[in-house]
Every structure is written in C-alpha cells, then in structure tokens.
C-alpha atoms as a PDB file:
ATOM      1  CA  MET A   1      49.610  27.397  -5.877  1.00  0.00           C
ATOM      2  CA  PRO A   2      48.473  25.530  -2.489  1.00  0.00           C
ATOM      3  CA  ARG A   3      45.528  27.062  -2.670  1.00  0.00           C
ATOM      4  CA  LEU A   4      45.020  26.205  -6.276  1.00  0.00           C
ATOM      5  CA  PHE A   5      46.019  22.561  -5.448  1.00  0.00           C
ATOM      6  CA  ARG A   6      43.657  22.120  -2.460  1.00  0.00           C
ATOM      7  CA  THR A   7      40.713  23.262  -4.971  1.00  0.00           C
ATOM      8  CA  TRP A   8      41.489  20.824  -7.728  1.00  0.00           C
ATOM      9  CA  TRP A   9      42.236  18.429  -4.824  1.00  0.00           C
ATOM     10  CA  LYS A  10      38.211  18.593  -3.787  1.00  0.00           C
ATOM     11  CA  ARG A  11      37.038  18.895  -7.202  1.00  0.00           C
ATOM     12  CA  ARG A  12      38.433  15.710  -6.958  1.00  0.00           C
ATOM     13  CA  ALA A  13      37.460  13.824  -4.092  1.00  0.00           C
ATOM     14  CA  LEU A  14      33.767  15.439  -5.231  1.00  0.00           C
ATOM     15  CA  MET A  15      34.045  13.565  -8.701  1.00  0.00           C
ATOM     16  CA  ALA A  16      34.648  10.278  -7.114  1.00  0.00           C
ATOM     17  CA  ALA A  17      31.923  10.564  -4.651  1.00  0.00           C
ATOM     18  CA  VAL A  18      29.690  10.803  -7.771  1.00  0.00           C
ATOM     19  CA  LEU A  19      31.045   7.544  -9.608  1.00  0.00           C
ATOM     20  CA  ALA A  20      31.290   5.265  -5.889  1.00  0.00           C
ATOM     21  CA  GLY A  21      27.507   6.421  -5.812  1.00  0.00           C
ATOM     22  CA  ALA A  22      26.334   5.480  -9.539  1.00  0.00           C
ATOM     23  CA  VAL A  23      28.563   2.179  -9.000  1.00  0.00           C
ATOM     24  CA  VAL A  24      25.930   1.502  -5.504  1.00  0.00           C
ATOM     25  CA  LEU A  25      23.501   1.941  -7.786  1.00  0.00           C
ATOM     26  CA  ALA A  26      24.186   0.282 -10.686  1.00  0.00           C
ATOM     27  CA  GLY A  27      24.535  -2.385  -8.060  1.00  0.00           C
ATOM     28  CA  ALA A  28      21.713  -2.547  -6.440  1.00  0.00           C
ATOM     29  CA  PRO A  29      18.199  -5.064  -7.119  1.00  0.00           C
ATOM     30  CA  HIS A  30      16.317  -3.951 -10.143  1.00  0.00           C
ATOM     31  CA  LEU A  31      13.463  -1.230  -7.945  1.00  0.00           C
ATOM     32  CA  SER A  32       9.961  -1.812  -9.620  1.00  0.00           C
ATOM     33  CA  ARG A  33       8.971   1.416 -12.017  1.00  0.00           C
ATOM     34  CA  ALA A  34       5.780   2.349  -9.634  1.00  0.00           C
ATOM     35  CA  ALA A  35       5.172   2.124  -5.479  1.00  0.00           C
ATOM     36  CA  GLY A  36       3.126  -0.099  -4.988  1.00  0.00           C
ATOM     37  CA  THR A  37       2.767  -2.705  -7.928  1.00  0.00           C
ATOM     38  CA  SER A  38       5.597  -4.363  -7.642  1.00  0.00           C
ATOM     39  CA  LYS A  39       5.925  -8.284  -7.582  1.00  0.00           C
ATOM     40  CA  LEU A  40       8.458 -10.053  -5.570  1.00  0.00           C
ATOM     41  CA  LEU A  41       9.241 -13.292  -7.018  1.00  0.00           C
ATOM     42  CA  GLN A  42      11.337 -15.863  -4.259  1.00  0.00           C
ATOM     43  CA  ARG A  43      13.060 -18.301  -4.558  1.00  0.00           C
ATOM     44  CA  VAL A  44      11.570 -21.816  -1.828  1.00  0.00           C
ATOM     45  CA  ARG A  45      14.308 -24.779  -2.761  1.00  0.00           C
ATOM     46  CA  GLY A  46      15.945 -25.894  -5.688  1.00  0.00           C
ATOM     47  CA  THR A  47      17.056 -23.763  -9.304  1.00  0.00           C
ATOM     48  CA  ILE A  48      14.714 -20.800  -9.830  1.00  0.00           C
ATOM     49  CA  GLY A  49      15.022 -17.583 -11.529  1.00  0.00           C
ATOM     50  CA  TYR A  50      13.559 -15.313 -14.358  1.00  0.00           C
ATOM     51  CA  GLN A  51      14.520 -14.873 -17.928  1.00  0.00           C
ATOM     52  CA  THR A  52      13.496 -11.976 -20.590  1.00  0.00           C
ATOM     53  CA  ALA A  53      12.105 -14.739 -23.090  1.00  0.00           C
ATOM     54  CA  ASP A  54      10.501 -17.577 -22.395  1.00  0.00           C
ATOM     55  CA  THR A  55      12.852 -19.995 -23.889  1.00  0.00           C
ATOM     56  CA  GLY A  56      15.516 -19.742 -21.106  1.00  0.00           C
ATOM     57  CA  THR A  57      18.183 -18.834 -23.784  1.00  0.00           C
ATOM     58  CA  ASP A  58      19.015 -16.121 -20.768  1.00  0.00           C
ATOM     59  CA  PHE A  59      17.811 -17.334 -17.362  1.00  0.00           C
ATOM     60  CA  LYS A  60      19.815 -15.614 -14.225  1.00  0.00           C
ATOM     61  CA  PRO A  61      19.460 -17.306 -11.092  1.00  0.00           C
ATOM     62  CA  VAL A  62      17.610 -15.886  -7.883  1.00  0.00           C
ATOM     63  CA  PHE A  63      18.936 -17.193  -5.176  1.00  0.00           C
ATOM     64  CA  GLY A  64      16.769 -14.899  -2.232  1.00  0.00           C
ATOM     65  CA  LYS A  65      14.419 -12.059  -3.422  1.00  0.00           C
ATOM     66  CA  PHE A  66      13.598 -10.245  -6.368  1.00  0.00           C
ATOM     67  CA  GLU A  67      11.267  -7.474  -7.760  1.00  0.00           C
ATOM     68  CA  LEU A  68       9.928  -9.328 -11.034  1.00  0.00           C
ATOM     69  CA  PRO A  69       9.770  -7.315 -14.524  1.00  0.00           C
ATOM     70  CA  ASP A  70       6.408  -6.815 -15.914  1.00  0.00           C
ATOM     71  CA  GLU A  71       8.194  -7.937 -18.961  1.00  0.00           C
ATOM     72  CA  ASP A  72      10.429 -10.765 -17.414  1.00  0.00           C
ATOM     73  CA  PHE A  73       9.047 -14.827 -16.947  1.00  0.00           C
ATOM     74  CA  ALA A  74      10.088 -16.263 -13.603  1.00  0.00           C
ATOM     75  CA  ALA A  75      11.523 -19.658 -14.065  1.00  0.00           C
ATOM     76  CA  THR A  76      11.928 -23.056 -11.999  1.00  0.00           C
ATOM     77  CA  ARG A  77      14.368 -26.047 -12.500  1.00  0.00           C
ATOM     78  CA  ALA A  78      13.439 -29.576 -11.785  1.00  0.00           C
ATOM     79  CA  GLN A  79      12.793 -30.159  -7.951  1.00  0.00           C
ATOM     80  CA  SER A  80      12.932 -26.897  -7.680  1.00  0.00           C
ATOM     81  CA  ALA A  81       9.944 -24.094  -6.523  1.00  0.00           C
ATOM     82  CA  ALA A  82       9.345 -20.417  -6.121  1.00  0.00           C
ATOM     83  CA  VAL A  83       6.700 -18.226  -4.853  1.00  0.00           C
ATOM     84  CA  ILE A  84       5.295 -14.769  -6.885  1.00  0.00           C
ATOM     85  CA  ALA A  85       3.523 -12.215  -4.116  1.00  0.00           C
ATOM     86  CA  LEU A  86       1.305  -9.615  -5.600  1.00  0.00           C
ATOM     87  CA  PRO A  87       1.400  -6.023  -4.567  1.00  0.00           C
ATOM     88  CA  ASP A  88      -2.564  -7.300  -3.051  1.00  0.00           C
ATOM     89  CA  SER A  89      -0.495 -10.147  -0.723  1.00  0.00           C
ATOM     90  CA  SER A  90      -1.905 -12.683  -3.130  1.00  0.00           C
ATOM     91  CA  LEU A  91       0.831 -15.300  -3.839  1.00  0.00           C
ATOM     92  CA  VAL A  92       1.461 -17.745  -6.389  1.00  0.00           C
ATOM     93  CA  SER A  93       3.178 -21.013  -5.936  1.00  0.00           C
ATOM     94  CA  LEU A  94       5.634 -23.004  -8.363  1.00  0.00           C
ATOM     95  CA  GLY A  95       6.385 -26.036  -9.066  1.00  0.00           C
ATOM     96  CA  GLU A  96       9.292 -27.414 -10.810  1.00  0.00           C
ATOM     97  CA  ASN A  97       9.973 -27.671 -13.983  1.00  0.00           C
ATOM     98  CA  THR A  98       7.332 -23.939 -14.084  1.00  0.00           C
ATOM     99  CA  THR A  99       7.750 -20.761 -16.401  1.00  0.00           C
ATOM    100  CA  VAL A 100       5.474 -17.981 -15.994  1.00  0.00           C
ATOM    101  CA  GLN A 101       4.943 -14.254 -16.868  1.00  0.00           C
ATOM    102  CA  ALA A 102       2.810 -11.620 -13.799  1.00  0.00           C
ATOM    103  CA  GLY A 103       2.298  -8.943 -16.238  1.00  0.00           C
ATOM    104  CA  ALA A 104       1.617  -5.234 -14.770  1.00  0.00           C
ATOM    105  CA  PHE A 105      -0.821  -5.674 -11.560  1.00  0.00           C
ATOM    106  CA  ASN A 106      -3.602  -3.120 -12.085  1.00  0.00           C
ATOM    107  CA  VAL A 107      -6.384  -1.784  -9.595  1.00  0.00           C
ATOM    108  CA  THR A 108      -9.008  -1.359 -11.885  1.00  0.00           C
ATOM    109  CA  ALA A 109     -13.172  -1.467 -11.895  1.00  0.00           C
ATOM    110  CA  GLN A 110     -13.870  -5.020 -11.441  1.00  0.00           C
ATOM    111  CA  GLY A 111     -10.820  -5.233  -8.783  1.00  0.00           C
ATOM    112  CA  PRO A 112      -7.631  -5.380  -8.564  1.00  0.00           C
ATOM    113  CA  GLY A 113      -5.380  -7.799  -9.793  1.00  0.00           C
ATOM    114  CA  SER A 114      -2.986  -9.301 -13.127  1.00  0.00           C
ATOM    115  CA  THR A 115      -2.706 -11.286 -16.096  1.00  0.00           C
ATOM    116  CA  ILE A 116      -0.190 -13.973 -15.401  1.00  0.00           C
ATOM    117  CA  GLN A 117       0.912 -16.178 -18.298  1.00  0.00           C
ATOM    118  CA  VAL A 118       1.530 -20.075 -17.872  1.00  0.00           C
ATOM    119  CA  ASN A 119       3.802 -21.622 -20.695  1.00  0.00           C
ATOM    120  CA  GLY A 120       4.589 -24.898 -19.130  1.00  0.00           C
ATOM    121  CA  GLY A 121       4.840 -26.224 -15.629  1.00  0.00           C
ATOM    122  CA  SER A 122       2.135 -26.881 -12.286  1.00  0.00           C
ATOM    123  CA  LEU A 123       1.311 -23.745 -10.010  1.00  0.00           C
ATOM    124  CA  ARG A 124      -0.669 -22.879  -6.532  1.00  0.00           C
ATOM    125  CA  PHE A 125      -2.475 -19.736  -6.350  1.00  0.00           C
ATOM    126  CA  ASP A 126      -4.006 -17.660  -3.865  1.00  0.00           C
ATOM    127  CA  ILE A 127      -5.278 -15.219  -5.372  1.00  0.00           C
ATOM    128  CA  ARG A 128      -6.767 -11.934  -2.212  1.00  0.00           C
ATOM    129  CA  ARG A 129     -10.662 -11.314  -2.217  1.00  0.00           C
ATOM    130  CA  PRO A 130     -10.596  -7.524  -1.404  1.00  0.00           C
ATOM    131  CA  ALA A 131     -13.347  -6.100   1.615  1.00  0.00           C
ATOM    132  CA  GLY A 132     -16.529  -5.737  -0.570  1.00  0.00           C
ATOM    133  CA  GLY A 133     -14.690  -6.132  -3.696  1.00  0.00           C
ATOM    134  CA  THR A 134     -13.554  -9.006  -5.574  1.00  0.00           C
ATOM    135  CA  ALA A 135      -9.968  -9.390  -7.282  1.00  0.00           C
ATOM    136  CA  ASN A 136      -9.156  -9.759 -11.160  1.00  0.00           C
ATOM    137  CA  TYR A 137      -7.308 -12.356 -12.031  1.00  0.00           C
ATOM    138  CA  ILE A 138      -6.752 -13.892 -15.343  1.00  0.00           C
ATOM    139  CA  PHE A 139      -3.904 -17.322 -15.749  1.00  0.00           C
ATOM    140  CA  LYS A 140      -3.683 -17.858 -19.592  1.00  0.00           C
ATOM    141  CA  THR A 141      -2.424 -20.701 -21.255  1.00  0.00           C
ATOM    142  CA  PRO A 142      -2.207 -21.737 -24.635  1.00  0.00           C
ATOM    143  CA  THR A 143      -6.173 -23.914 -24.953  1.00  0.00           C
ATOM    144  CA  SER A 144      -7.853 -21.448 -22.017  1.00  0.00           C
ATOM    145  CA  GLN A 145      -8.350 -18.526 -19.855  1.00  0.00           C
ATOM    146  CA  THR A 146      -8.651 -18.701 -15.988  1.00  0.00           C
ATOM    147  CA  SER A 147     -10.467 -15.759 -13.898  1.00  0.00           C
ATOM    148  CA  VAL A 148     -10.437 -15.727 -10.434  1.00  0.00           C
ATOM    149  CA  ARG A 149     -11.415 -13.092  -8.479  1.00  0.00           C
ATOM    150  CA  GLY A 150     -10.871 -14.638  -4.542  1.00  0.00           C
ATOM    151  CA  THR A 151      -9.956 -18.262  -3.988  1.00  0.00           C
ATOM    152  CA  VAL A 152      -7.319 -21.008  -3.433  1.00  0.00           C
ATOM    153  CA  GLY A 153      -6.799 -23.347  -6.687  1.00  0.00           C
ATOM    154  CA  LEU A 154      -4.115 -25.396  -8.704  1.00  0.00           C
ATOM    155  CA  LEU A 155      -3.243 -24.708 -12.108  1.00  0.00           C
ATOM    156  CA  SER A 156      -0.555 -26.613 -14.407  1.00  0.00           C
ATOM    157  CA  PHE A 157      -0.166 -26.460 -18.844  1.00  0.00           C
ATOM    158  CA  VAL A 158       1.340 -29.560 -19.008  1.00  0.00           C
ATOM    159  CA  ASN A 159       1.969 -31.803 -22.394  1.00  0.00           C
ATOM    160  CA  GLY A 160      -0.536 -29.673 -23.986  1.00  0.00           C
ATOM    161  CA  ILE A 161      -3.360 -29.880 -21.985  1.00  0.00           C
ATOM    162  CA  THR A 162      -4.572 -27.609 -19.459  1.00  0.00           C
ATOM    163  CA  THR A 163      -6.096 -28.491 -15.634  1.00  0.00           C
ATOM    164  CA  VAL A 164      -7.699 -25.625 -13.392  1.00  0.00           C
ATOM    165  CA  GLY A 165      -9.029 -27.210  -9.207  1.00  0.00           C
ATOM    166  CA  CYS A 166     -10.445 -25.553  -7.264  1.00  0.00           C
ATOM    167  CA  VAL A 167      -9.791 -26.165  -3.262  1.00  0.00           C
ATOM    168  CA  ALA A 168     -11.133 -23.842  -1.473  1.00  0.00           C
ATOM    169  CA  CYS A 169     -13.318 -21.891  -4.083  1.00  0.00           C
ATOM    170  CA  ALA A 170     -16.749 -19.322  -3.590  1.00  0.00           C
ATOM    171  CA  ALA A 171     -19.140 -18.843  -5.908  1.00  0.00           C
ATOM    172  CA  ASP A 172     -18.531 -18.013  -8.876  1.00  0.00           C
ATOM    173  CA  SER A 173     -14.479 -17.528  -8.386  1.00  0.00           C
ATOM    174  CA  VAL A 174     -12.707 -19.625 -10.980  1.00  0.00           C
ATOM    175  CA  THR A 175     -14.679 -19.858 -14.278  1.00  0.00           C
ATOM    176  CA  VAL A 176     -12.546 -21.138 -17.319  1.00  0.00           C
ATOM    177  CA  THR A 177     -13.313 -20.176 -20.809  1.00  0.00           C
ATOM    178  CA  THR A 178     -12.096 -22.604 -23.911  1.00  0.00           C
ATOM    179  CA  ALA A 179     -13.010 -20.900 -27.722  1.00  0.00           C
ATOM    180  CA  THR A 180     -16.363 -22.541 -27.512  1.00  0.00           C
ATOM    181  CA  GLN A 181     -17.311 -23.293 -23.362  1.00  0.00           C
ATOM    182  CA  THR A 182     -17.142 -21.948 -19.875  1.00  0.00           C
ATOM    183  CA  VAL A 183     -16.853 -23.892 -16.772  1.00  0.00           C
ATOM    184  CA  THR A 184     -17.592 -22.114 -13.279  1.00  0.00           C
ATOM    185  CA  LEU A 185     -15.924 -24.580 -10.335  1.00  0.00           C
ATOM    186  CA  VAL A 186     -16.182 -24.689  -6.885  1.00  0.00           C
ATOM    187  CA  THR A 187     -14.745 -27.111  -3.674  1.00  0.00           C
ATOM    188  CA  GLY A 188     -13.844 -29.738  -4.802  1.00  0.00           C
ATOM    189  CA  GLN A 189     -13.642 -29.909  -9.290  1.00  0.00           C
ATOM    190  CA  PHE A 190     -11.715 -29.982 -11.273  1.00  0.00           C
ATOM    191  CA  VAL A 191     -11.419 -29.524 -15.316  1.00  0.00           C
ATOM    192  CA  THR A 192      -8.912 -29.770 -18.687  1.00  0.00           C
ATOM    193  CA  ILE A 193      -8.568 -28.502 -21.553  1.00  0.00           C
ATOM    194  CA  SER A 194      -6.752 -30.611 -24.434  1.00  0.00           C
ATOM    195  CA  ALA A 195      -5.423 -29.188 -26.590  1.00  0.00           C
ATOM    196  CA  THR A 196      -8.171 -29.968 -29.298  1.00  0.00           C
ATOM    197  CA  GLY A 197     -10.121 -28.155 -26.697  1.00  0.00           C
ATOM    198  CA  ALA A 198     -12.137 -31.403 -25.153  1.00  0.00           C
ATOM    199  CA  ILE A 199     -13.010 -31.101 -22.236  1.00  0.00           C
ATOM    200  CA  THR A 200     -13.189 -33.106 -19.216  1.00  0.00           C
ATOM    201  CA  THR A 201     -14.740 -32.588 -15.747  1.00  0.00           C
ATOM    202  CA  GLY A 202     -14.493 -33.943 -12.430  1.00  0.00           C
ATOM    203  CA  ALA A 203     -13.626 -34.271  -9.027  1.00  0.00           C
ATOM    204  CA  LEU A 204     -10.634 -32.537  -7.760  1.00  0.00           C
ATOM    205  CA  THR A 205      -8.422 -35.869  -5.280  1.00  0.00           C
ATOM    206  CA  THR A 206      -8.801 -37.434  -8.987  1.00  0.00           C
ATOM    207  CA  VAL A 207      -6.063 -35.016  -9.905  1.00  0.00           C
ATOM    208  CA  VAL A 208      -4.037 -33.621  -6.535  1.00  0.00           C
ATOM    209  CA  GLY A 209      -1.671 -36.228  -6.858  1.00  0.00           C
ATOM    210  CA  THR A 210       0.771 -35.079  -9.771  1.00  0.00           C
ATOM    211  CA  PHE A 211       0.596 -31.065  -8.405  1.00  0.00           C
ATOM    212  CA  THR A 212       1.934 -33.050  -5.239  1.00  0.00           C
ATOM    213  CA  ALA A 213       5.167 -34.724  -7.393  1.00  0.00           C
ATOM    214  CA  ALA A 214       5.037 -31.490  -8.819  1.00  0.00           C
ATOM    215  CA  GLY A 215       6.167 -30.509  -5.518  1.00  0.00           C
ATOM    216  CA  VAL A 216       3.023 -27.620  -5.579  1.00  0.00           C
ATOM    217  CA  PRO A 217       1.093 -27.101  -2.063  1.00  0.00           C
ATOM    218  CA  VAL A 218      -2.067 -28.554  -2.001  1.00  0.00           C
ATOM    219  CA  THR A 219      -3.307 -27.281   1.557  1.00  0.00           C
ATOM    220  CA  ALA A 220      -6.813 -24.913   1.782  1.00  0.00           C
ATOM    221  CA  GLN A 221      -4.627 -22.798   3.854  1.00  0.00           C
ATOM    222  CA  THR A 222      -4.100 -19.597   3.137  1.00  0.00           C
ATOM    223  CA  GLY A 223      -0.976 -17.188   3.682  1.00  0.00           C
ATOM    224  CA  ALA A 224       3.011 -17.470   3.220  1.00  0.00           C
ATOM    225  CA  VAL A 225       4.465 -20.849   5.287  1.00  0.00           C
ATOM    226  CA  ALA A 226       0.920 -22.168   3.352  1.00  0.00           C
ATOM    227  CA  ALA A 227       2.484 -21.149  -0.143  1.00  0.00           C
ATOM    228  CA  GLY A 228       5.851 -22.779   1.261  1.00  0.00           C
ATOM    229  CA  LEU A 229       7.678 -20.190   2.010  1.00  0.00           C
ATOM    230  CA  PRO A 230       9.640 -20.543   5.669  1.00  0.00           C
ATOM    231  CA  ALA A 231       7.574 -18.981   8.573  1.00  0.00           C
ATOM    232  CA  SER A 232      10.750 -16.974   9.819  1.00  0.00           C
ATOM    233  CA  THR A 233      10.267 -15.100   5.687  1.00  0.00           C
ATOM    234  CA  VAL A 234       9.282 -11.178   5.564  1.00  0.00           C
ATOM    235  CA  LEU A 235       7.388 -10.834   2.095  1.00  0.00           C
ATOM    236  CA  GLY A 236       4.636  -8.221   3.853  1.00  0.00           C
ATOM    237  CA  VAL A 237       2.135 -10.874   3.152  1.00  0.00           C
ATOM    238  CA  SER A 238      -0.328 -12.621   5.692  1.00  0.00           C
ATOM    239  CA  THR A 239       0.512 -16.200   7.058  1.00  0.00           C
ATOM    240  CA  SER A 240      -2.596 -16.542   8.243  1.00  0.00           C
ATOM    241  CA  THR A 241      -3.949 -20.700   7.915  1.00  0.00           C
ATOM    242  CA  ALA A 242      -7.736 -20.174   8.202  1.00  0.00           C
ATOM    243  CA  ILE A 243      -9.486 -22.808   6.200  1.00  0.00           C
ATOM    244  CA  THR A 244     -12.041 -22.843   4.195  1.00  0.00           C
ATOM    245  CA  ALA A 245     -15.312 -24.594   5.543  1.00  0.00           C
ATOM    246  CA  GLY A 246     -14.980 -27.627   3.817  1.00  0.00           C
ATOM    247  CA  ALA A 247     -12.126 -26.598   2.018  1.00  0.00           C
ATOM    248  CA  ALA A 248     -10.198 -29.647   3.452  1.00  0.00           C
ATOM    249  CA  ALA A 249     -12.574 -32.406   3.065  1.00  0.00           C
ATOM    250  CA  ALA A 250     -13.190 -32.090  -0.562  1.00  0.00           C
ATOM    251  CA  VAL A 251      -8.432 -32.384  -0.477  1.00  0.00           C
ATOM    252  CA  ALA A 252      -9.038 -34.625   1.975  1.00  0.00           C
ATOM    253  CA  GLY A 253     -11.089 -37.506  -0.483  1.00  0.00           C
ATOM    254  CA  THR A 254     -14.820 -35.332  -0.570  1.00  0.00           C
ATOM    255  CA  ALA A 255     -16.459 -35.209  -4.765  1.00  0.00           C
ATOM    256  CA  VAL A 256     -19.118 -33.434  -5.453  1.00  0.00           C
ATOM    257  CA  GLY A 257     -21.844 -33.414  -7.707  1.00  0.00           C
ATOM    258  CA  ILE A 258     -21.163 -32.026 -10.714  1.00  0.00           C
ATOM    259  CA  ALA A 259     -24.452 -30.044 -12.944  1.00  0.00           C
ATOM    260  CA  VAL A 260     -25.027 -28.895 -16.710  1.00  0.00           C
ATOM    261  CA  SER A 261     -27.490 -26.358 -17.314  1.00  0.00           C
ATOM    262  CA  GLN A 262     -28.152 -25.031 -20.567  1.00  0.00           C
ATOM    263  CA  PRO A 263     -30.257 -21.447 -21.224  1.00  0.00           C
ATOM    264  CA  SER A 264     -34.182 -21.541 -20.440  1.00  0.00           C
ATOM    265  CA  PRO A 265     -36.882 -18.887 -20.058  1.00  0.00           C
ATOM    266  CA  LYS A 266     -37.304 -19.342 -17.171  1.00  0.00           C
ATOM    267  CA  PRO A 267     -33.898 -19.984 -14.643  1.00  0.00           C
ATOM    268  CA  SER A 268     -32.991 -23.698 -14.205  1.00  0.00           C
ATOM    269  CA  ALA A 269     -30.675 -26.324 -14.086  1.00  0.00           C
ATOM    270  CA  THR A 270     -30.344 -29.802 -14.257  1.00  0.00           C
ATOM    271  CA  ALA A 271     -28.075 -31.240 -12.080  1.00  0.00           C
ATOM    272  CA  THR A 272     -26.279 -35.126 -12.397  1.00  0.00           C
ATOM    273  CA  ASN A 273     -22.861 -36.799 -11.430  1.00  0.00           C
ATOM    274  CA  GLY A 274     -19.787 -36.126 -12.684  1.00  0.00           C
ATOM    275  CA  GLY A 275     -18.237 -37.018 -15.927  1.00  0.00           C
ATOM    276  CA  SER A 276     -16.588 -35.374 -18.999  1.00  0.00           C
ATOM    277  CA  GLY A 277     -17.884 -32.877 -21.688  1.00  0.00           C
ATOM    278  CA  ASN A 278     -16.431 -33.975 -25.314  1.00  0.00           C
ATOM    279  CA  GLY A 279     -15.501 -30.703 -26.404  1.00  0.00           C
ATOM    280  CA  GLN A 280     -18.570 -29.218 -28.018  1.00  0.00           C
ATOM    281  CA  GLY A 281     -19.995 -26.018 -27.391  1.00  0.00           C
ATOM    282  CA  GLY A 282     -21.735 -25.042 -24.213  1.00  0.00           C
ATOM    283  CA  ASN A 283     -22.105 -23.654 -20.263  1.00  0.00           C
ATOM    284  CA  LEU A 284     -21.525 -26.181 -17.993  1.00  0.00           C
ATOM    285  CA  ASN A 285     -22.249 -24.704 -14.556  1.00  0.00           C
ATOM    286  CA  LEU A 286     -20.373 -27.392 -11.788  1.00  0.00           C
ATOM    287  CA  ASN A 287     -22.393 -26.010  -8.954  1.00  0.00           C
ATOM    288  CA  ALA A 288     -22.518 -27.383  -5.232  1.00  0.00           C
ATOM    289  CA  ALA A 289     -25.808 -28.983  -6.283  1.00  0.00           C
ATOM    290  CA  ALA A 290     -24.644 -32.218  -3.903  1.00  0.00           C
ATOM    291  CA  ARG A 291     -22.869 -30.644  -1.416  1.00  0.00           C
ATOM    292  CA  ALA A 292     -23.043 -33.592   0.985  1.00  0.00           C
ATOM    293  CA  PRO A 293     -20.561 -35.491   0.961  1.00  0.00           C
ATOM    294  CA  GLN A 294     -19.686 -38.246  -1.598  1.00  0.00           C
ATOM    295  CA  ALA A 295     -17.978 -41.458  -1.888  1.00  0.00           C
ATOM    296  CA  ALA A 296     -16.868 -41.259  -5.359  1.00  0.00           C
ATOM    297  CA  VAL A 297     -17.969 -39.674  -9.012  1.00  0.00           C
ATOM    298  CA  THR A 298     -19.949 -42.227 -10.659  1.00  0.00           C
ATOM    299  CA  ALA A 299     -22.330 -41.161 -13.686  1.00  0.00           C
ATOM    300  CA  ALA A 300     -21.096 -42.475 -17.110  1.00  0.00           C
ATOM    301  CA  PRO A 301     -19.809 -39.343 -19.292  1.00  0.00           C
ATOM    302  CA  GLN A 302     -21.978 -36.908 -20.299  1.00  0.00           C
ATOM    303  CA  ALA A 303     -21.093 -34.725 -23.817  1.00  0.00           C
ATOM    304  CA  PRO A 304     -22.214 -30.778 -22.405  1.00  0.00           C
ATOM    305  CA  VAL A 305     -25.122 -28.858 -23.793  1.00  0.00           C
ATOM    306  CA  ALA A 306     -24.211 -27.025 -27.395  1.00  0.00           C
ATOM    307  CA  ARG A 307     -24.018 -22.716 -26.833  1.00  0.00           C
ATOM    308  CA  PRO A 308     -21.404 -21.659 -28.942  1.00  0.00           C
ATOM    309  CA  LEU A 309     -19.173 -18.532 -26.851  1.00  0.00           C
ATOM    310  CA  PRO A 310     -17.221 -16.012 -28.608  1.00  0.00           C
ATOM    311  CA  PRO A 311     -14.163 -16.960 -28.454  1.00  0.00           C
ATOM    312  CA  PRO A 312     -12.594 -15.354 -25.876  1.00  0.00           C
ATOM    313  CA  ALA A 313     -10.269 -11.291 -25.813  1.00  0.00           C
ATOM    314  CA  LEU A 314      -7.075 -12.721 -25.092  1.00  0.00           C
ATOM    315  CA  PRO A 315      -4.211  -9.219 -24.887  1.00  0.00           C
ATOM    316  CA  PRO A 316      -0.523 -10.293 -26.903  1.00  0.00           C
ATOM    317  CA  SER A 317       1.837 -10.752 -24.348  1.00  0.00           C
ATOM    318  CA  GLY A 318       3.719  -7.939 -24.611  1.00  0.00           C
ATOM    319  CA  GLY A 319       7.773  -8.820 -25.550  1.00  0.00           C
ATOM    320  CA  ARG A 320      10.772  -7.767 -23.452  1.00  0.00           C
ATOM    321  CA  SER A 321      13.510  -5.967 -26.101  1.00  0.00           C
ATOM    322  CA  GLY A 322      16.278  -6.071 -23.652  1.00  0.00           C
ATOM    323  CA  ARG A 323      17.041  -5.188 -20.339  1.00  0.00           C
END
C-alpha cells in the first residue's frame, strides 16, 4: 500500500509541475513567430499600446516593451509617444494620437523592410540603409504611398492630408507616389497631398513645427536616443549621433531649390525655386539644384508637368480575426 501511495504521489507532483509550466508560458509576453523578424513597441511617455482593430475598441496599454504582431496596430493617446524598433535597427517614432500597423518584416532582393500603414497621426522614421544596398520600406496613407530606402524623415496624416518631409535624405531615398504623380524629395524639402490629390511642395522649415507640437523628434541625428528613447534603453540598436552633412542646417532654416522636370529625348531638368502643384499628372523631381543655403523660397507657385502614371499597386492591409 505505501508503494502504491508513493507512485500516485509522484504522478500527481509531475502533473502539477506541467500545469505550473503551462501557466507561466500563458502569462509570458507575446513572442514573435519567426526569429529575427520581431518588431518591438516601446513606451516613451503617456498612454501607448496595441489593438487588433484600427478603431481601438480593444486597446491594450503597454507600460514597457512589447513584441508587436504583424496584424496588430500600435497606438498612442494624447500627449504620448512611443518607438517601434525594427529588426534591422530602423526606428519609427510615434507622436501623440497616432495609429500605425507595421506589417511583416521581410528581406527581399529589393532590400530589408516592412509596409507600414499610417491610419492617422505623426511620426519620424530613421530607416537604416544596409551596407552595399538599400532598405525597402513603404509608408502608406489613404492619399499616398512613400517608398523609403534609407534616411531620416517625417510623415503625418492629419485631417485627410499627408505630409512627408526629408530631414536627412540621400538622393532618391524618399519617393512619394499618388494616383497621378511621383515626387522625389531631398534634404530640407516637404510635400503634402490633399484628399483630392492636390500636391504642395516647399521648405521643410515651414511645417516642422507641427511635428514638434505632436511630440515627434525632428533631429537629423540617428539612433535610439535621437528617436526619443532614454539613453539607458537597451534595444539592440545603435545609439549613434552621426549627422548627415547639411541635414542640421536644413532643419535649422535652410531652404533648398525645387526643380520640376519632364521626360525628353535627352536627360534634362529645368530648375525653379519652390512652389506648389495643382494635382495634375506629372513627375516632380525635387532635386538639390540649389544646394547652397537660401533665405527663403520666393518663386510663385507653378503647376507640375502632366505625365499620367498608373496607380500604384497597394497591397491590401490584412486584418486580424482574433488573438
């Protein structure tokens, strides 16, 4: 009888240990489904969290760090800020009242990156260009699609208007596509796209204050501290503060020239000073034709040259059926 009792007791203890392990795993933070592709959401201040629907009806607060699933939305409330760290050390800083969905991180022939749907709010992106190649990030709003291949920039979607600005951008690093036009930005320039597709361009200094008011860092420096995280934060990402040449001057008040180009039998470009488009078809090449600092953009608005483009292929944003 004692022997049978001992056997029964050992089995009971083993079952208890298994159940305890299951409870611990159930309470552990969400783990990414694939190693090396996780996206880390981290609180900077205020109320931030994640939700399975863009409406926020099931908003769940995050008080530290959280591995953000591909299907979920990161969200911030008023006077709040957060940072999304991507596997390649790229950082996306979210200002207040911002909701984004960072899709699956992939490494393709075009480079590593992710498609990030911006449903509303303001953000800063610090996208790392891989050695010997380019990144492959796409930021989507209801009015545009922005391709980023390695740079520091600003983006917002507020009141139906998309604004994209270059804080420190190499040539051809930021391309904004609408239903009818493509705009390429360089350091110190911005573009806005209205709900009707009308495009306005100009010097970044004229809009940078709206990002500051939303709590978005506007520095040309790179790394976790520049993104808004405390210096002691350990994310496995660089905390360097290298400044791209000319970037600080652009944010401090430098205005650059804006050129409008059109296709011709031979490559050519006609340079003008800043202006705005009227929403017609065309290709705006906002190059650094006037790289020397200027006091202001003074030229009268000028319509872009018409050149219809096919609508960009925007892959549908996948929803989440449940957790």
